[in-house]
Structures are given as structure tokens and as C-alpha cells.
Amino acid sequence: MNYDLAAELHRRAEEDQAARRLAAKTHDGLEICRIDADNTAWLKQVIAERSWPGVASVGEQGAKDT
């Protein structure tokens, strides 16, 4: 299992959800757009280099975080 990749997926998922909670309170979606764009670019690179990060490579939580 790739623990570093799983940890990065989890960190990004947590950041994404925190921004969405904050945006719901402040009605500001700009941070969500920034995080979405960053996460999309990063995941495209991961897929190009390693293929989709499934359960075998990042565990169940990592796969859920994708």
C-alpha cells in the first residue's frame, strides 16, 4: 500500500470538506473553486503516473477520499 499517496488523498479530502463547510456559512465559493482546480490537476497527474488510486494501492479510506 502507498501510505504517502493515501495520506495525501486524505489531506486533500479534509481540506475540500473544510472549505465547503466554511463556504456554506459565508456564501463564498471562491476557495472551493481553487481547491477543486488544484485537486483535479493533482489527481490527473496521479492517474497519468500510477493509474487510478484504488483500494489495493491506498486502502479503503484512501479510495473513499478520491
PDB file of N, CA and C in Angstrom:
ATOM      1  N   MET A   1       0.849  -1.187   0.000  1.00  0.00           N
ATOM      2  CA  MET A   1       0.000   0.000   0.000  1.00  0.00           C
ATOM      3  C   MET A   1       0.888   1.241   0.000  1.00  0.00           C
ATOM      4  N   ASN A   2       0.456   2.249  -0.726  1.00  0.00           N
ATOM      5  CA  ASN A   2       1.190   3.503  -0.810  1.00  0.00           C
ATOM      6  C   ASN A   2       0.639   4.463   0.258  1.00  0.00           C
ATOM      7  N   TYR A   3       1.279   4.449   1.421  1.00  0.00           N
ATOM      8  CA  TYR A   3       0.799   5.247   2.553  1.00  0.00           C
ATOM      9  C   TYR A   3       0.918   6.751   2.303  1.00  0.00           C
ATOM     10  N   ASP A   4       1.960   7.167   1.590  1.00  0.00           N
ATOM     11  CA  ASP A   4       2.109   8.595   1.299  1.00  0.00           C
ATOM     12  C   ASP A   4       0.974   9.090   0.411  1.00  0.00           C
ATOM     13  N   LEU A   5       0.636   8.328  -0.613  1.00  0.00           N
ATOM     14  CA  LEU A   5      -0.464   8.712  -1.502  1.00  0.00           C
ATOM     15  C   LEU A   5      -1.790   8.700  -0.745  1.00  0.00           C
ATOM     16  N   ALA A   6      -2.003   7.697   0.088  1.00  0.00           N
ATOM     17  CA  ALA A   6      -3.239   7.629   0.880  1.00  0.00           C
ATOM     18  C   ALA A   6      -3.349   8.841   1.808  1.00  0.00           C
ATOM     19  N   ALA A   7      -2.232   9.221   2.429  1.00  0.00           N
ATOM     20  CA  ALA A   7      -2.244  10.376   3.335  1.00  0.00           C
ATOM     21  C   ALA A   7      -2.547  11.665   2.565  1.00  0.00           C
ATOM     22  N   GLU A   8      -1.984  11.801   1.379  1.00  0.00           N
ATOM     23  CA  GLU A   8      -2.237  13.000   0.585  1.00  0.00           C
ATOM     24  C   GLU A   8      -3.684  13.057   0.119  1.00  0.00           C
ATOM     25  N   LEU A   9      -4.243  11.933  -0.276  1.00  0.00           N
ATOM     26  CA  LEU A   9      -5.667  11.892  -0.638  1.00  0.00           C
ATOM     27  C   LEU A   9      -6.529  12.318   0.542  1.00  0.00           C
ATOM     28  N   HIS A  10      -6.208  11.822   1.721  1.00  0.00           N
ATOM     29  CA  HIS A  10      -6.999  12.156   2.906  1.00  0.00           C
ATOM     30  C   HIS A  10      -6.855  13.647   3.246  1.00  0.00           C
ATOM     31  N   ARG A  11      -5.638  14.174   3.167  1.00  0.00           N
ATOM     32  CA  ARG A  11      -5.426  15.586   3.458  1.00  0.00           C
ATOM     33  C   ARG A  11      -6.243  16.451   2.510  1.00  0.00           C
ATOM     34  N   ARG A  12      -6.229  16.100   1.236  1.00  0.00           N
ATOM     35  CA  ARG A  12      -6.975  16.872   0.244  1.00  0.00           C
ATOM     36  C   ARG A  12      -8.485  16.752   0.463  1.00  0.00           C
ATOM     37  N   ALA A  13      -8.958  15.580   0.822  1.00  0.00           N
ATOM     38  CA  ALA A  13     -10.388  15.399   1.093  1.00  0.00           C
ATOM     39  C   ALA A  13     -10.816  16.230   2.301  1.00  0.00           C
ATOM     40  N   GLU A  14      -9.982  16.237   3.341  1.00  0.00           N
ATOM     41  CA  GLU A  14     -10.291  17.032   4.536  1.00  0.00           C
ATOM     42  C   GLU A  14     -10.309  18.521   4.210  1.00  0.00           C
ATOM     43  N   GLU A  15      -9.327  18.989   3.436  1.00  0.00           N
ATOM     44  CA  GLU A  15      -9.271  20.396   3.048  1.00  0.00           C
ATOM     45  C   GLU A  15     -10.505  20.780   2.233  1.00  0.00           C
ATOM     46  N   ASP A  16     -10.888  19.909   1.311  1.00  0.00           N
ATOM     47  CA  ASP A  16     -12.060  20.129   0.473  1.00  0.00           C
ATOM     48  C   ASP A  16     -13.313  20.277   1.319  1.00  0.00           C
ATOM     49  N   GLN A  17     -13.509  19.372   2.242  1.00  0.00           N
ATOM     50  CA  GLN A  17     -14.719  19.407   3.062  1.00  0.00           C
ATOM     51  C   GLN A  17     -14.734  20.597   4.016  1.00  0.00           C
ATOM     52  N   ALA A  18     -13.573  20.962   4.554  1.00  0.00           N
ATOM     53  CA  ALA A  18     -13.497  22.142   5.435  1.00  0.00           C
ATOM     54  C   ALA A  18     -13.872  23.405   4.661  1.00  0.00           C
ATOM     55  N   ALA A  19     -13.385  23.528   3.430  1.00  0.00           N
ATOM     56  CA  ALA A  19     -13.717  24.697   2.610  1.00  0.00           C
ATOM     57  C   ALA A  19     -15.203  24.732   2.286  1.00  0.00           C
ATOM     58  N   ARG A  20     -15.789  23.570   2.041  1.00  0.00           N
ATOM     59  CA  ARG A  20     -17.223  23.520   1.738  1.00  0.00           C
ATOM     60  C   ARG A  20     -18.063  23.908   2.962  1.00  0.00           C
ATOM     61  N   ARG A  21     -17.638  23.476   4.141  1.00  0.00           N
ATOM     62  CA  ARG A  21     -18.361  23.873   5.365  1.00  0.00           C
ATOM     63  C   ARG A  21     -18.273  25.375   5.572  1.00  0.00           C
ATOM     64  N   LEU A  22     -17.069  25.947   5.373  1.00  0.00           N
ATOM     65  CA  LEU A  22     -16.881  27.383   5.534  1.00  0.00           C
ATOM     66  C   LEU A  22     -17.686  28.154   4.496  1.00  0.00           C
ATOM     67  N   ALA A  23     -17.670  27.703   3.257  1.00  0.00           N
ATOM     68  CA  ALA A  23     -18.409  28.388   2.188  1.00  0.00           C
ATOM     69  C   ALA A  23     -19.905  28.380   2.465  1.00  0.00           C
ATOM     70  N   ALA A  24     -20.398  27.308   3.052  1.00  0.00           N
ATOM     71  CA  ALA A  24     -21.823  27.233   3.372  1.00  0.00           C
ATOM     72  C   ALA A  24     -22.188  28.308   4.399  1.00  0.00           C
ATOM     73  N   LYS A  25     -21.247  28.610   5.286  1.00  0.00           N
ATOM     74  CA  LYS A  25     -21.502  29.629   6.313  1.00  0.00           C
ATOM     75  C   LYS A  25     -21.335  31.045   5.761  1.00  0.00           C
ATOM     76  N   THR A  26     -20.351  31.242   4.881  1.00  0.00           N
ATOM     77  CA  THR A  26     -20.008  32.588   4.423  1.00  0.00           C
ATOM     78  C   THR A  26     -20.528  32.901   3.026  1.00  0.00           C
ATOM     79  N   HIS A  27     -21.066  31.904   2.351  1.00  0.00           N
ATOM     80  CA  HIS A  27     -21.565  32.062   0.984  1.00  0.00           C
ATOM     81  C   HIS A  27     -20.455  32.511   0.024  1.00  0.00           C
ATOM     82  N   ASP A  28     -19.234  31.992   0.240  1.00  0.00           N
ATOM     83  CA  ASP A  28     -18.080  32.319  -0.592  1.00  0.00           C
ATOM     84  C   ASP A  28     -17.556  31.043  -1.234  1.00  0.00           C
ATOM     85  N   GLY A  29     -17.766  30.895  -2.517  1.00  0.00           N
ATOM     86  CA  GLY A  29     -17.357  29.681  -3.209  1.00  0.00           C
ATOM     87  C   GLY A  29     -15.997  29.773  -3.877  1.00  0.00           C
ATOM     88  N   LEU A  30     -15.296  30.903  -3.767  1.00  0.00           N
ATOM     89  CA  LEU A  30     -14.008  31.052  -4.438  1.00  0.00           C
ATOM     90  C   LEU A  30     -12.972  30.057  -3.932  1.00  0.00           C
ATOM     91  N   GLU A  31     -12.923  29.819  -2.656  1.00  0.00           N
ATOM     92  CA  GLU A  31     -11.950  28.871  -2.103  1.00  0.00           C
ATOM     93  C   GLU A  31     -12.252  27.454  -2.571  1.00  0.00           C
ATOM     94  N   ILE A  32     -13.519  27.104  -2.681  1.00  0.00           N
ATOM     95  CA  ILE A  32     -13.892  25.785  -3.193  1.00  0.00           C
ATOM     96  C   ILE A  32     -13.402  25.634  -4.628  1.00  0.00           C
ATOM     97  N   CYS A  33     -13.580  26.654  -5.439  1.00  0.00           N
ATOM     98  CA  CYS A  33     -13.115  26.599  -6.831  1.00  0.00           C
ATOM     99  C   CYS A  33     -11.607  26.412  -6.898  1.00  0.00           C
ATOM    100  N   ARG A  34     -10.866  27.109  -6.042  1.00  0.00           N
ATOM    101  CA  ARG A  34      -9.412  26.981  -6.026  1.00  0.00           C
ATOM    102  C   ARG A  34      -8.995  25.569  -5.629  1.00  0.00           C
ATOM    103  N   ILE A  35      -9.598  25.033  -4.579  1.00  0.00           N
ATOM    104  CA  ILE A  35      -9.265  23.692  -4.104  1.00  0.00           C
ATOM    105  C   ILE A  35      -9.661  22.650  -5.137  1.00  0.00           C
ATOM    106  N   ASP A  36     -10.837  22.789  -5.729  1.00  0.00           N
ATOM    107  CA  ASP A  36     -11.273  21.842  -6.767  1.00  0.00           C
ATOM    108  C   ASP A  36     -10.292  21.814  -7.939  1.00  0.00           C
ATOM    109  N   ALA A  37      -9.868  22.982  -8.391  1.00  0.00           N
ATOM    110  CA  ALA A  37      -8.934  23.051  -9.513  1.00  0.00           C
ATOM    111  C   ALA A  37      -7.604  22.407  -9.158  1.00  0.00           C
ATOM    112  N   ASP A  38      -7.104  22.684  -7.960  1.00  0.00           N
ATOM    113  CA  ASP A  38      -5.839  22.099  -7.513  1.00  0.00           C
ATOM    114  C   ASP A  38      -5.957  20.582  -7.385  1.00  0.00           C
ATOM    115  N   ASN A  39      -7.027  20.115  -6.768  1.00  0.00           N
ATOM    116  CA  ASN A  39      -7.210  18.670  -6.587  1.00  0.00           C
ATOM    117  C   ASN A  39      -7.392  17.951  -7.925  1.00  0.00           C
ATOM    118  N   THR A  40      -8.115  18.564  -8.845  1.00  0.00           N
ATOM    119  CA  THR A  40      -8.321  17.944 -10.153  1.00  0.00           C
ATOM    120  C   THR A  40      -6.997  17.805 -10.901  1.00  0.00           C
ATOM    121  N   ALA A  41      -6.203  18.859 -10.909  1.00  0.00           N
ATOM    122  CA  ALA A  41      -4.898  18.803 -11.584  1.00  0.00           C
ATOM    123  C   ALA A  41      -4.002  17.757 -10.940  1.00  0.00           C
ATOM    124  N   TRP A  42      -3.985  17.722  -9.626  1.00  0.00           N
ATOM    125  CA  TRP A  42      -3.144  16.759  -8.905  1.00  0.00           C
ATOM    126  C   TRP A  42      -3.586  15.329  -9.198  1.00  0.00           C
ATOM    127  N   LEU A  43      -4.888  15.053  -9.133  1.00  0.00           N
ATOM    128  CA  LEU A  43      -5.382  13.697  -9.360  1.00  0.00           C
ATOM    129  C   LEU A  43      -5.144  13.259 -10.804  1.00  0.00           C
ATOM    130  N   LYS A  44      -5.290  14.175 -11.762  1.00  0.00           N
ATOM    131  CA  LYS A  44      -4.984  13.830 -13.157  1.00  0.00           C
ATOM    132  C   LYS A  44      -3.530  13.393 -13.290  1.00  0.00           C
ATOM    133  N   GLN A  45      -2.639  14.070 -12.594  1.00  0.00           N
ATOM    134  CA  GLN A  45      -1.224  13.707 -12.638  1.00  0.00           C
ATOM    135  C   GLN A  45      -0.993  12.340 -11.991  1.00  0.00           C
ATOM    136  N   VAL A  46      -1.634  12.096 -10.854  1.00  0.00           N
ATOM    137  CA  VAL A  46      -1.519  10.797 -10.183  1.00  0.00           C
ATOM    138  C   VAL A  46      -1.998   9.681 -11.107  1.00  0.00           C
ATOM    139  N   ILE A  47      -3.129   9.876 -11.737  1.00  0.00           N
ATOM    140  CA  ILE A  47      -3.685   8.857 -12.640  1.00  0.00           C
ATOM    141  C   ILE A  47      -2.749   8.617 -13.825  1.00  0.00           C
ATOM    142  N   ALA A  48      -2.195   9.684 -14.378  1.00  0.00           N
ATOM    143  CA  ALA A  48      -1.288   9.550 -15.518  1.00  0.00           C
ATOM    144  C   ALA A  48      -0.020   8.784 -15.135  1.00  0.00           C
ATOM    145  N   GLU A  49       0.461   8.994 -13.918  1.00  0.00           N
ATOM    146  CA  GLU A  49       1.708   8.368 -13.474  1.00  0.00           C
ATOM    147  C   GLU A  49       1.515   6.972 -12.900  1.00  0.00           C
ATOM    148  N   ARG A  50       0.375   6.725 -12.228  1.00  0.00           N
ATOM    149  CA  ARG A  50       0.213   5.485 -11.464  1.00  0.00           C
ATOM    150  C   ARG A  50      -1.058   4.719 -11.751  1.00  0.00           C
ATOM    151  N   SER A  51      -1.994   5.278 -12.432  1.00  0.00           N
ATOM    152  CA  SER A  51      -3.354   4.796 -12.649  1.00  0.00           C
ATOM    153  C   SER A  51      -4.230   5.205 -11.466  1.00  0.00           C
ATOM    154  N   TRP A  52      -5.506   4.838 -11.537  1.00  0.00           N
ATOM    155  CA  TRP A  52      -6.463   5.251 -10.502  1.00  0.00           C
ATOM    156  C   TRP A  52      -6.042   4.705  -9.143  1.00  0.00           C
ATOM    157  N   PRO A  53      -6.039   5.534  -8.090  1.00  0.00           N
ATOM    158  CA  PRO A  53      -5.637   5.075  -6.762  1.00  0.00           C
ATOM    159  C   PRO A  53      -6.762   4.284  -6.082  1.00  0.00           C
ATOM    160  N   GLY A  54      -6.798   3.008  -6.341  1.00  0.00           N
ATOM    161  CA  GLY A  54      -7.834   2.146  -5.793  1.00  0.00           C
ATOM    162  C   GLY A  54      -7.460   1.568  -4.442  1.00  0.00           C
ATOM    163  N   VAL A  55      -8.316   0.713  -3.923  1.00  0.00           N
ATOM    164  CA  VAL A  55      -8.151   0.120  -2.589  1.00  0.00           C
ATOM    165  C   VAL A  55      -6.802  -0.581  -2.453  1.00  0.00           C
ATOM    166  N   ALA A  56      -6.372  -1.285  -3.481  1.00  0.00           N
ATOM    167  CA  ALA A  56      -5.106  -2.027  -3.400  1.00  0.00           C
ATOM    168  C   ALA A  56      -3.910  -1.101  -3.178  1.00  0.00           C
ATOM    169  N   SER A  57      -3.972   0.107  -3.714  1.00  0.00           N
ATOM    170  CA  SER A  57      -2.816   0.994  -3.584  1.00  0.00           C
ATOM    171  C   SER A  57      -2.919   2.003  -2.454  1.00  0.00           C
ATOM    172  N   VAL A  58      -4.139   2.389  -2.041  1.00  0.00           N
ATOM    173  CA  VAL A  58      -4.269   3.414  -1.000  1.00  0.00           C
ATOM    174  C   VAL A  58      -5.201   3.010   0.146  1.00  0.00           C
ATOM    175  N   GLY A  59      -5.679   1.788   0.155  1.00  0.00           N
ATOM    176  CA  GLY A  59      -6.565   1.333   1.223  1.00  0.00           C
ATOM    177  C   GLY A  59      -7.989   1.824   1.044  1.00  0.00           C
ATOM    178  N   GLU A  60      -8.857   1.348   1.903  1.00  0.00           N
ATOM    179  CA  GLU A  60     -10.286   1.697   1.784  1.00  0.00           C
ATOM    180  C   GLU A  60     -10.532   3.188   1.988  1.00  0.00           C
ATOM    181  N   GLN A  61      -9.913   3.783   3.020  1.00  0.00           N
ATOM    182  CA  GLN A  61     -10.142   5.202   3.276  1.00  0.00           C
ATOM    183  C   GLN A  61      -9.599   6.049   2.136  1.00  0.00           C
ATOM    184  N   GLY A  62      -8.405   5.722   1.650  1.00  0.00           N
ATOM    185  CA  GLY A  62      -7.841   6.455   0.529  1.00  0.00           C
ATOM    186  C   GLY A  62      -8.723   6.396  -0.697  1.00  0.00           C
ATOM    187  N   ALA A  63      -9.277   5.219  -0.974  1.00  0.00           N
ATOM    188  CA  ALA A  63     -10.171   5.072  -2.122  1.00  0.00           C
ATOM    189  C   ALA A  63     -11.442   5.912  -1.922  1.00  0.00           C
ATOM    190  N   LYS A  64     -11.946   5.976  -0.701  1.00  0.00           N
ATOM    191  CA  LYS A  64     -13.126   6.803  -0.428  1.00  0.00           C
ATOM    192  C   LYS A  64     -12.788   8.292  -0.593  1.00  0.00           C
ATOM    193  N   ASP A  65     -11.549   8.664  -0.250  1.00  0.00           N
ATOM    194  CA  ASP A  65     -11.132  10.053  -0.339  1.00  0.00           C
ATOM    195  C   ASP A  65     -10.967  10.533  -1.773  1.00  0.00           C
ATOM    196  N   THR A  66     -10.904   9.587  -2.736  1.00  0.00           N
ATOM    197  CA  THR A  66     -10.814  10.022  -4.116  1.00  0.00           C
ATOM    198  C   THR A  66     -12.174  10.493  -4.528  1.00  0.00           C
TER     199      THR A  66
END
